PDB file of all heavy atoms in Angstrom:
ATOM      1  N   MET A   1     -15.513 -16.967  -9.613  1.00  0.00           N
ATOM      2  CA  MET A   1     -15.207 -18.089  -8.715  1.00  0.00           C
ATOM      3  C   MET A   1     -13.701 -18.242  -8.531  1.00  0.00           C
ATOM      4  O   MET A   1     -13.209 -18.471  -7.422  1.00  0.00           O
ATOM      5  CB  MET A   1     -15.796 -19.392  -9.267  1.00  0.00           C
ATOM      6  CG  MET A   1     -17.318 -19.466  -9.240  1.00  0.00           C
ATOM      7  SD  MET A   1     -18.001 -19.305  -7.558  1.00  0.00           S
ATOM      8  CE  MET A   1     -18.528 -17.577  -7.571  1.00  0.00           C
ATOM      9  N   PHE A   2     -12.960 -18.081  -9.634  1.00  0.00           N
ATOM     10  CA  PHE A   2     -11.507 -18.193  -9.557  1.00  0.00           C
ATOM     11  C   PHE A   2     -10.909 -17.084  -8.694  1.00  0.00           C
ATOM     12  O   PHE A   2     -10.064 -17.337  -7.817  1.00  0.00           O
ATOM     13  CB  PHE A   2     -10.899 -18.142 -10.958  1.00  0.00           C
ATOM     14  CG  PHE A   2      -9.396 -17.993 -10.964  1.00  0.00           C
ATOM     15  CD1 PHE A   2      -8.578 -19.071 -10.660  1.00  0.00           C
ATOM     16  CD2 PHE A   2      -8.815 -16.761 -11.245  1.00  0.00           C
ATOM     17  CE1 PHE A   2      -7.188 -18.935 -10.644  1.00  0.00           C
ATOM     18  CE2 PHE A   2      -7.434 -16.618 -11.235  1.00  0.00           C
ATOM     19  CZ  PHE A   2      -6.629 -17.704 -10.934  1.00  0.00           C
ATOM     20  N   LEU A   3     -11.373 -15.846  -8.927  1.00  0.00           N
ATOM     21  CA  LEU A   3     -10.829 -14.714  -8.183  1.00  0.00           C
ATOM     22  C   LEU A   3     -11.177 -14.789  -6.701  1.00  0.00           C
ATOM     23  O   LEU A   3     -10.352 -14.459  -5.843  1.00  0.00           O
ATOM     24  CB  LEU A   3     -11.349 -13.402  -8.770  1.00  0.00           C
ATOM     25  CG  LEU A   3     -10.832 -13.049 -10.168  1.00  0.00           C
ATOM     26  CD1 LEU A   3     -11.526 -11.800 -10.698  1.00  0.00           C
ATOM     27  CD2 LEU A   3      -9.316 -12.849 -10.164  1.00  0.00           C
ATOM     28  N   LEU A   4     -12.402 -15.241  -6.385  1.00  0.00           N
ATOM     29  CA  LEU A   4     -12.784 -15.401  -4.985  1.00  0.00           C
ATOM     30  C   LEU A   4     -11.938 -16.467  -4.296  1.00  0.00           C
ATOM     31  O   LEU A   4     -11.446 -16.271  -3.178  1.00  0.00           O
ATOM     32  CB  LEU A   4     -14.265 -15.758  -4.880  1.00  0.00           C
ATOM     33  CG  LEU A   4     -15.260 -14.613  -5.135  1.00  0.00           C
ATOM     34  CD1 LEU A   4     -16.683 -15.150  -5.231  1.00  0.00           C
ATOM     35  CD2 LEU A   4     -15.169 -13.563  -4.033  1.00  0.00           C
ATOM     36  N   ALA A   5     -11.753 -17.612  -4.974  1.00  0.00           N
ATOM     37  CA  ALA A   5     -10.945 -18.695  -4.397  1.00  0.00           C
ATOM     38  C   ALA A   5      -9.494 -18.255  -4.222  1.00  0.00           C
ATOM     39  O   ALA A   5      -8.882 -18.471  -3.162  1.00  0.00           O
ATOM     40  CB  ALA A   5     -11.023 -19.936  -5.290  1.00  0.00           C
ATOM     41  N   ALA A   6      -8.943 -17.611  -5.257  1.00  0.00           N
ATOM     42  CA  ALA A   6      -7.555 -17.142  -5.181  1.00  0.00           C
ATOM     43  C   ALA A   6      -7.402 -16.090  -4.087  1.00  0.00           C
ATOM     44  O   ALA A   6      -6.383 -16.047  -3.384  1.00  0.00           O
ATOM     45  CB  ALA A   6      -7.128 -16.564  -6.532  1.00  0.00           C
ATOM     46  N   GLY A   7      -8.418 -15.247  -3.921  1.00  0.00           N
ATOM     47  CA  GLY A   7      -8.368 -14.219  -2.895  1.00  0.00           C
ATOM     48  C   GLY A   7      -8.380 -14.794  -1.492  1.00  0.00           C
ATOM     49  O   GLY A   7      -7.624 -14.352  -0.619  1.00  0.00           O
ATOM     50  N   VAL A   8      -9.246 -15.789  -1.256  1.00  0.00           N
ATOM     51  CA  VAL A   8      -9.328 -16.425   0.067  1.00  0.00           C
ATOM     52  C   VAL A   8      -8.019 -17.141   0.391  1.00  0.00           C
ATOM     53  O   VAL A   8      -7.500 -17.045   1.516  1.00  0.00           O
ATOM     54  CB  VAL A   8     -10.511 -17.409   0.120  1.00  0.00           C
ATOM     55  CG1 VAL A   8     -10.474 -18.218   1.407  1.00  0.00           C
ATOM     56  CG2 VAL A   8     -11.833 -16.651   0.012  1.00  0.00           C
ATOM     57  N   ILE A   9      -7.466 -17.851  -0.593  1.00  0.00           N
ATOM     58  CA  ILE A   9      -6.191 -18.553  -0.389  1.00  0.00           C
ATOM     59  C   ILE A   9      -5.068 -17.557  -0.094  1.00  0.00           C
ATOM     60  O   ILE A   9      -4.246 -17.757   0.809  1.00  0.00           O
ATOM     61  CB  ILE A   9      -5.855 -19.413  -1.622  1.00  0.00           C
ATOM     62  CG1 ILE A   9      -6.867 -20.559  -1.769  1.00  0.00           C
ATOM     63  CG2 ILE A   9      -4.431 -19.969  -1.517  1.00  0.00           C
ATOM     64  CD1 ILE A   9      -6.743 -21.322  -3.072  1.00  0.00           C
ATOM     65  N   SER A  10      -5.026 -16.461  -0.855  1.00  0.00           N
ATOM     66  CA  SER A  10      -3.996 -15.434  -0.642  1.00  0.00           C
ATOM     67  C   SER A  10      -4.131 -14.800   0.731  1.00  0.00           C
ATOM     68  O   SER A  10      -3.130 -14.559   1.418  1.00  0.00           O
ATOM     69  CB  SER A  10      -4.096 -14.360  -1.726  1.00  0.00           C
ATOM     70  OG  SER A  10      -3.859 -14.912  -3.012  1.00  0.00           O
ATOM     71  N   LEU A  11      -5.358 -14.529   1.136  1.00  0.00           N
ATOM     72  CA  LEU A  11      -5.617 -13.971   2.457  1.00  0.00           C
ATOM     73  C   LEU A  11      -5.081 -14.898   3.545  1.00  0.00           C
ATOM     74  O   LEU A  11      -4.421 -14.455   4.496  1.00  0.00           O
ATOM     75  CB  LEU A  11      -7.119 -13.745   2.642  1.00  0.00           C
ATOM     76  CG  LEU A  11      -7.602 -13.345   4.045  1.00  0.00           C
ATOM     77  CD1 LEU A  11      -6.974 -12.031   4.480  1.00  0.00           C
ATOM     78  CD2 LEU A  11      -9.123 -13.233   4.063  1.00  0.00           C
ATOM     79  N   ALA A  12      -5.353 -16.189   3.391  1.00  0.00           N
ATOM     80  CA  ALA A  12      -4.903 -17.172   4.386  1.00  0.00           C
ATOM     81  C   ALA A  12      -3.372 -17.240   4.443  1.00  0.00           C
ATOM     82  O   ALA A  12      -2.778 -17.263   5.530  1.00  0.00           O
ATOM     83  CB  ALA A  12      -5.492 -18.537   4.063  1.00  0.00           C
ATOM     84  N   ILE A  13      -2.740 -17.257   3.273  1.00  0.00           N
ATOM     85  CA  ILE A  13      -1.276 -17.361   3.228  1.00  0.00           C
ATOM     86  C   ILE A  13      -0.632 -16.107   3.832  1.00  0.00           C
ATOM     87  O   ILE A  13       0.318 -16.198   4.615  1.00  0.00           O
ATOM     88  CB  ILE A  13      -0.793 -17.579   1.780  1.00  0.00           C
ATOM     89  CG1 ILE A  13      -1.267 -18.944   1.258  1.00  0.00           C
ATOM     90  CG2 ILE A  13       0.733 -17.480   1.700  1.00  0.00           C
ATOM     91  CD1 ILE A  13      -0.954 -19.181  -0.205  1.00  0.00           C
ATOM     92  N   LEU A  14      -1.144 -14.952   3.466  1.00  0.00           N
ATOM     93  CA  LEU A  14      -0.600 -13.705   4.015  1.00  0.00           C
ATOM     94  C   LEU A  14      -0.766 -13.646   5.529  1.00  0.00           C
ATOM     95  O   LEU A  14       0.126 -13.199   6.252  1.00  0.00           O
ATOM     96  CB  LEU A  14      -1.292 -12.498   3.369  1.00  0.00           C
ATOM     97  CG  LEU A  14      -0.939 -12.220   1.901  1.00  0.00           C
ATOM     98  CD1 LEU A  14      -1.875 -11.166   1.322  1.00  0.00           C
ATOM     99  CD2 LEU A  14       0.513 -11.770   1.766  1.00  0.00           C
ATOM    100  N   ALA A  15      -1.920 -14.128   6.012  1.00  0.00           N
ATOM    101  CA  ALA A  15      -2.161 -14.130   7.461  1.00  0.00           C
ATOM    102  C   ALA A  15      -1.211 -15.090   8.167  1.00  0.00           C
ATOM    103  O   ALA A  15      -0.644 -14.764   9.215  1.00  0.00           O
ATOM    104  CB  ALA A  15      -3.616 -14.504   7.744  1.00  0.00           C
ATOM    105  N   LEU A  16      -1.021 -16.283   7.590  1.00  0.00           N
ATOM    106  CA  LEU A  16      -0.127 -17.276   8.193  1.00  0.00           C
ATOM    107  C   LEU A  16       1.318 -16.789   8.208  1.00  0.00           C
ATOM    108  O   LEU A  16       2.089 -17.121   9.107  1.00  0.00           O
ATOM    109  CB  LEU A  16      -0.230 -18.601   7.437  1.00  0.00           C
ATOM    110  CG  LEU A  16      -1.536 -19.389   7.624  1.00  0.00           C
ATOM    111  CD1 LEU A  16      -1.580 -20.579   6.673  1.00  0.00           C
ATOM    112  CD2 LEU A  16      -1.679 -19.854   9.077  1.00  0.00           C
ATOM    113  N   LYS A  17       1.680 -16.009   7.212  1.00  0.00           N
ATOM    114  CA  LYS A  17       3.040 -15.464   7.148  1.00  0.00           C
ATOM    115  C   LYS A  17       3.209 -14.212   8.006  1.00  0.00           C
ATOM    116  O   LYS A  17       4.289 -13.621   8.042  1.00  0.00           O
ATOM    117  CB  LYS A  17       3.401 -15.137   5.697  1.00  0.00           C
ATOM    118  CG  LYS A  17       3.631 -16.378   4.832  1.00  0.00           C
ATOM    119  CD  LYS A  17       4.144 -15.969   3.459  1.00  0.00           C
ATOM    120  CE  LYS A  17       4.538 -17.186   2.628  1.00  0.00           C
ATOM    121  NZ  LYS A  17       5.104 -16.796   1.316  1.00  0.00           N
ATOM    122  N   GLY A  18       2.131 -13.808   8.676  1.00  0.00           N
ATOM    123  CA  GLY A  18       2.215 -12.651   9.554  1.00  0.00           C
ATOM    124  C   GLY A  18       2.316 -11.324   8.837  1.00  0.00           C
ATOM    125  O   GLY A  18       2.794 -10.333   9.406  1.00  0.00           O
ATOM    126  N   GLN A  19       1.824 -11.260   7.598  1.00  0.00           N
ATOM    127  CA  GLN A  19       1.939 -10.031   6.825  1.00  0.00           C
ATOM    128  C   GLN A  19       1.008  -8.920   7.314  1.00  0.00           C
ATOM    129  O   GLN A  19       1.208  -7.757   6.987  1.00  0.00           O
ATOM    130  CB  GLN A  19       1.646 -10.323   5.341  1.00  0.00           C
ATOM    131  CG  GLN A  19       2.673 -11.214   4.677  1.00  0.00           C
ATOM    132  CD  GLN A  19       4.044 -10.569   4.661  1.00  0.00           C
ATOM    133  OE1 GLN A  19       4.218  -9.441   4.206  1.00  0.00           O
ATOM    134  NE2 GLN A  19       5.048 -11.274   5.173  1.00  0.00           N
ATOM    135  N   PHE A  20      -0.009  -9.288   8.085  1.00  0.00           N
ATOM    136  CA  PHE A  20      -0.959  -8.284   8.563  1.00  0.00           C
ATOM    137  C   PHE A  20      -0.618  -7.788   9.977  1.00  0.00           C
ATOM    138  O   PHE A  20      -1.330  -6.939  10.514  1.00  0.00           O
ATOM    139  CB  PHE A  20      -2.382  -8.840   8.548  1.00  0.00           C
ATOM    140  CG  PHE A  20      -2.861  -9.224   7.175  1.00  0.00           C
ATOM    141  CD1 PHE A  20      -3.087 -10.544   6.844  1.00  0.00           C
ATOM    142  CD2 PHE A  20      -3.071  -8.255   6.211  1.00  0.00           C
ATOM    143  CE1 PHE A  20      -3.529 -10.905   5.580  1.00  0.00           C
ATOM    144  CE2 PHE A  20      -3.505  -8.589   4.943  1.00  0.00           C
ATOM    145  CZ  PHE A  20      -3.737  -9.930   4.621  1.00  0.00           C
ATOM    146  N   LYS A  21       0.447  -8.337  10.544  1.00  0.00           N
ATOM    147  CA  LYS A  21       0.835  -7.902  11.882  1.00  0.00           C
ATOM    148  C   LYS A  21       1.397  -6.493  11.835  1.00  0.00           C
ATOM    149  O   LYS A  21       2.126  -6.129  10.915  1.00  0.00           O
ATOM    150  CB  LYS A  21       1.878  -8.860  12.476  1.00  0.00           C
ATOM    151  CG  LYS A  21       1.315 -10.228  12.836  1.00  0.00           C
ATOM    152  CD  LYS A  21       2.392 -11.094  13.472  1.00  0.00           C
ATOM    153  CE  LYS A  21       1.834 -12.459  13.859  1.00  0.00           C
ATOM    154  NZ  LYS A  21       2.888 -13.324  14.465  1.00  0.00           N
ATOM    155  N   ARG A  22       1.050  -5.743  12.852  1.00  0.00           N
ATOM    156  CA  ARG A  22       1.552  -4.378  12.927  1.00  0.00           C
ATOM    157  C   ARG A  22       3.022  -4.387  13.309  1.00  0.00           C
ATOM    158  O   ARG A  22       3.429  -5.103  14.220  1.00  0.00           O
ATOM    159  CB  ARG A  22       0.751  -3.592  13.964  1.00  0.00           C
ATOM    160  CG  ARG A  22       1.072  -2.119  14.011  1.00  0.00           C
ATOM    161  CD  ARG A  22       0.139  -1.387  14.959  1.00  0.00           C
ATOM    162  NE  ARG A  22       0.435   0.025  15.009  1.00  0.00           N
ATOM    163  CZ  ARG A  22      -0.235   0.897  15.732  1.00  0.00           C
ATOM    164  NH1 ARG A  22      -1.245   0.465  16.489  1.00  0.00           N
ATOM    165  NH2 ARG A  22       0.087   2.168  15.731  1.00  0.00           N
ATOM    166  N   GLU A  23       3.790  -3.596  12.594  1.00  0.00           N
ATOM    167  CA  GLU A  23       5.220  -3.529  12.871  1.00  0.00           C
ATOM    168  C   GLU A  23       5.462  -2.876  14.223  1.00  0.00           C
ATOM    169  O   GLU A  23       4.894  -1.831  14.533  1.00  0.00           O
ATOM    170  CB  GLU A  23       5.937  -2.736  11.769  1.00  0.00           C
ATOM    171  CG  GLU A  23       5.857  -3.404  10.400  1.00  0.00           C
ATOM    172  CD  GLU A  23       6.548  -2.567   9.345  1.00  0.00           C
ATOM    173  OE1 GLU A  23       7.101  -1.505   9.704  1.00  0.00           O
ATOM    174  OE2 GLU A  23       6.534  -2.966   8.178  1.00  0.00           O
ATOM    175  N   LYS A  24       6.312  -3.508  15.016  1.00  0.00           N
ATOM    176  CA  LYS A  24       6.635  -2.967  16.334  1.00  0.00           C
ATOM    177  C   LYS A  24       7.741  -1.931  16.197  1.00  0.00           C
ATOM    178  O   LYS A  24       8.810  -2.201  15.679  1.00  0.00           O
ATOM    179  CB  LYS A  24       7.076  -4.086  17.281  1.00  0.00           C
ATOM    180  CG  LYS A  24       5.972  -5.071  17.623  1.00  0.00           C
ATOM    181  CD  LYS A  24       6.465  -6.121  18.607  1.00  0.00           C
ATOM    182  CE  LYS A  24       5.349  -7.096  18.980  1.00  0.00           C
ATOM    183  NZ  LYS A  24       5.828  -8.137  19.938  1.00  0.00           N
ATOM    184  N   THR A  25       7.438  -0.737  16.654  1.00  0.00           N
ATOM    185  CA  THR A  25       8.431   0.333  16.627  1.00  0.00           C
ATOM    186  C   THR A  25       8.514   0.949  18.014  1.00  0.00           C
ATOM    187  O   THR A  25       7.510   1.065  18.723  1.00  0.00           O
ATOM    188  CB  THR A  25       8.049   1.434  15.618  1.00  0.00           C
ATOM    189  OG1 THR A  25       6.733   1.923  15.924  1.00  0.00           O
ATOM    190  CG2 THR A  25       8.062   0.883  14.199  1.00  0.00           C
ATOM    191  N   GLU A  26       9.723   1.300  18.401  1.00  0.00           N
ATOM    192  CA  GLU A  26       9.913   1.929  19.694  1.00  0.00           C
ATOM    193  C   GLU A  26       9.462   3.381  19.604  1.00  0.00           C
ATOM    194  O   GLU A  26      10.049   4.190  18.895  1.00  0.00           O
ATOM    195  CB  GLU A  26      11.399   1.859  20.101  1.00  0.00           C
ATOM    196  CG  GLU A  26      11.880   0.431  20.344  1.00  0.00           C
ATOM    197  CD  GLU A  26      13.316   0.417  20.823  1.00  0.00           C
ATOM    198  OE1 GLU A  26      13.883   1.524  21.004  1.00  0.00           O
ATOM    199  OE2 GLU A  26      13.866  -0.673  21.007  1.00  0.00           O
ATOM    200  N   THR A  27       8.395   3.690  20.295  1.00  0.00           N
ATOM    201  CA  THR A  27       7.857   5.045  20.255  1.00  0.00           C
ATOM    202  C   THR A  27       7.926   5.682  21.636  1.00  0.00           C
ATOM    203  O   THR A  27       7.616   5.054  22.636  1.00  0.00           O
ATOM    204  CB  THR A  27       6.387   5.040  19.782  1.00  0.00           C
ATOM    205  OG1 THR A  27       5.633   4.167  20.635  1.00  0.00           O
ATOM    206  CG2 THR A  27       6.299   4.534  18.342  1.00  0.00           C
ATOM    207  N   GLU A  28       8.338   6.902  21.647  1.00  0.00           N
ATOM    208  CA  GLU A  28       8.428   7.664  22.894  1.00  0.00           C
ATOM    209  C   GLU A  28       7.081   8.324  23.164  1.00  0.00           C
ATOM    210  O   GLU A  28       6.408   8.797  22.246  1.00  0.00           O
ATOM    211  CB  GLU A  28       9.513   8.733  22.753  1.00  0.00           C
ATOM    212  CG  GLU A  28       9.646   9.639  23.962  1.00  0.00           C
ATOM    213  CD  GLU A  28      10.585  10.793  23.687  1.00  0.00           C
ATOM    214  OE1 GLU A  28      11.083  10.883  22.551  1.00  0.00           O
ATOM    215  OE2 GLU A  28      10.802  11.606  24.602  1.00  0.00           O
ATOM    216  N   PHE A  29       6.679   8.329  24.418  1.00  0.00           N
ATOM    217  CA  PHE A  29       5.434   9.000  24.775  1.00  0.00           C
ATOM    218  C   PHE A  29       5.605  10.501  24.545  1.00  0.00           C
ATOM    219  O   PHE A  29       6.541  11.126  25.036  1.00  0.00           O
ATOM    220  CB  PHE A  29       5.071   8.752  26.238  1.00  0.00           C
ATOM    221  CG  PHE A  29       3.912   9.585  26.703  1.00  0.00           C
ATOM    222  CD1 PHE A  29       2.629   9.308  26.277  1.00  0.00           C
ATOM    223  CD2 PHE A  29       4.121  10.674  27.545  1.00  0.00           C
ATOM    224  CE1 PHE A  29       1.563  10.084  26.686  1.00  0.00           C
ATOM    225  CE2 PHE A  29       3.063  11.464  27.960  1.00  0.00           C
ATOM    226  CZ  PHE A  29       1.773  11.157  27.527  1.00  0.00           C
ATOM    227  N   VAL A  30       4.693  11.054  23.742  1.00  0.00           N
ATOM    228  CA  VAL A  30       4.763  12.476  23.416  1.00  0.00           C
ATOM    229  C   VAL A  30       3.462  13.141  23.849  1.00  0.00           C
ATOM    230  O   VAL A  30       2.410  12.884  23.261  1.00  0.00           O
ATOM    231  CB  VAL A  30       4.972  12.698  21.905  1.00  0.00           C
ATOM    232  CG1 VAL A  30       5.023  14.189  21.600  1.00  0.00           C
ATOM    233  CG2 VAL A  30       6.237  12.007  21.439  1.00  0.00           C
ATOM    234  N   PRO A  31       3.512  13.989  24.885  1.00  0.00           N
ATOM    235  CA  PRO A  31       2.304  14.709  25.283  1.00  0.00           C
ATOM    236  C   PRO A  31       1.943  15.766  24.250  1.00  0.00           C
ATOM    237  O   PRO A  31       2.792  16.206  23.476  1.00  0.00           O
ATOM    238  CB  PRO A  31       2.694  15.351  26.615  1.00  0.00           C
ATOM    239  CG  PRO A  31       4.180  15.487  26.544  1.00  0.00           C
ATOM    240  CD  PRO A  31       4.670  14.327  25.715  1.00  0.00           C
ATOM    241  N   TYR A  32       0.696  16.156  24.212  1.00  0.00           N
ATOM    242  CA  TYR A  32       0.214  17.190  23.294  1.00  0.00           C
ATOM    243  C   TYR A  32       0.454  16.801  21.841  1.00  0.00           C
ATOM    244  O   TYR A  32       0.744  17.635  20.991  1.00  0.00           O
ATOM    245  CB  TYR A  32       0.872  18.538  23.602  1.00  0.00           C
ATOM    246  CG  TYR A  32       0.732  18.949  25.039  1.00  0.00           C
ATOM    247  CD1 TYR A  32       1.798  18.860  25.913  1.00  0.00           C
ATOM    248  CD2 TYR A  32      -0.494  19.383  25.537  1.00  0.00           C
ATOM    249  CE1 TYR A  32       1.658  19.222  27.251  1.00  0.00           C
ATOM    250  CE2 TYR A  32      -0.647  19.743  26.860  1.00  0.00           C
ATOM    251  CZ  TYR A  32       0.431  19.655  27.714  1.00  0.00           C
ATOM    252  OH  TYR A  32       0.289  20.009  29.027  1.00  0.00           O
ATOM    253  N   LYS A  33       0.318  15.521  21.567  1.00  0.00           N
ATOM    254  CA  LYS A  33       0.461  15.018  20.215  1.00  0.00           C
ATOM    255  C   LYS A  33      -0.845  15.231  19.458  1.00  0.00           C
ATOM    256  O   LYS A  33      -1.930  15.072  20.011  1.00  0.00           O
ATOM    257  CB  LYS A  33       0.813  13.526  20.273  1.00  0.00           C
ATOM    258  CG  LYS A  33       1.097  12.872  18.941  1.00  0.00           C
ATOM    259  CD  LYS A  33       1.459  11.417  19.173  1.00  0.00           C
ATOM    260  CE  LYS A  33       1.741  10.699  17.862  1.00  0.00           C
ATOM    261  NZ  LYS A  33       2.063   9.264  18.098  1.00  0.00           N
ATOM    262  N   ASN A  34      -0.770  15.594  18.175  1.00  0.00           N
ATOM    263  CA  ASN A  34      -1.973  15.798  17.378  1.00  0.00           C
ATOM    264  C   ASN A  34      -2.741  14.493  17.226  1.00  0.00           C
ATOM    265  O   ASN A  34      -2.164  13.467  16.853  1.00  0.00           O
ATOM    266  CB  ASN A  34      -1.618  16.352  15.993  1.00  0.00           C
ATOM    267  CG  ASN A  34      -1.207  17.799  16.051  1.00  0.00           C
ATOM    268  OD1 ASN A  34      -1.820  18.598  16.754  1.00  0.00           O
ATOM    269  ND2 ASN A  34      -0.164  18.157  15.316  1.00  0.00           N
ATOM    270  N   SER A  35      -4.018  14.536  17.487  1.00  0.00           N
ATOM    271  CA  SER A  35      -4.841  13.344  17.335  1.00  0.00           C
ATOM    272  C   SER A  35      -5.122  13.090  15.863  1.00  0.00           C
ATOM    273  O   SER A  35      -4.917  13.962  15.004  1.00  0.00           O
ATOM    274  CB  SER A  35      -6.170  13.516  18.085  1.00  0.00           C
ATOM    275  OG  SER A  35      -6.949  14.535  17.483  1.00  0.00           O
ATOM    276  N   PHE A  36      -5.618  11.903  15.575  1.00  0.00           N
ATOM    277  CA  PHE A  36      -5.979  11.524  14.213  1.00  0.00           C
ATOM    278  C   PHE A  36      -7.016  12.494  13.650  1.00  0.00           C
ATOM    279  O   PHE A  36      -6.923  12.950  12.511  1.00  0.00           O
ATOM    280  CB  PHE A  36      -6.532  10.091  14.222  1.00  0.00           C
ATOM    281  CG  PHE A  36      -6.882   9.549  12.874  1.00  0.00           C
ATOM    282  CD1 PHE A  36      -5.914   9.020  12.054  1.00  0.00           C
ATOM    283  CD2 PHE A  36      -8.195   9.553  12.426  1.00  0.00           C
ATOM    284  CE1 PHE A  36      -6.236   8.510  10.811  1.00  0.00           C
ATOM    285  CE2 PHE A  36      -8.537   9.050  11.197  1.00  0.00           C
ATOM    286  CZ  PHE A  36      -7.550   8.523  10.383  1.00  0.00           C
ATOM    287  N   GLY A  37      -8.026  12.836  14.469  1.00  0.00           N
ATOM    288  CA  GLY A  37      -9.078  13.745  14.043  1.00  0.00           C
ATOM    289  C   GLY A  37      -8.559  15.144  13.741  1.00  0.00           C
ATOM    290  O   GLY A  37      -8.995  15.795  12.784  1.00  0.00           O
TER     291      GLY A  37
END
């Protein structure tokens, strides 16, 4: 119960602080780039 409560609170705080936002990086369009697969 403690770990679940602490986890939910931590999740909320991290989300409010924007910790899950993807970092914006300037990327150049590269043709013939290797796909993830």
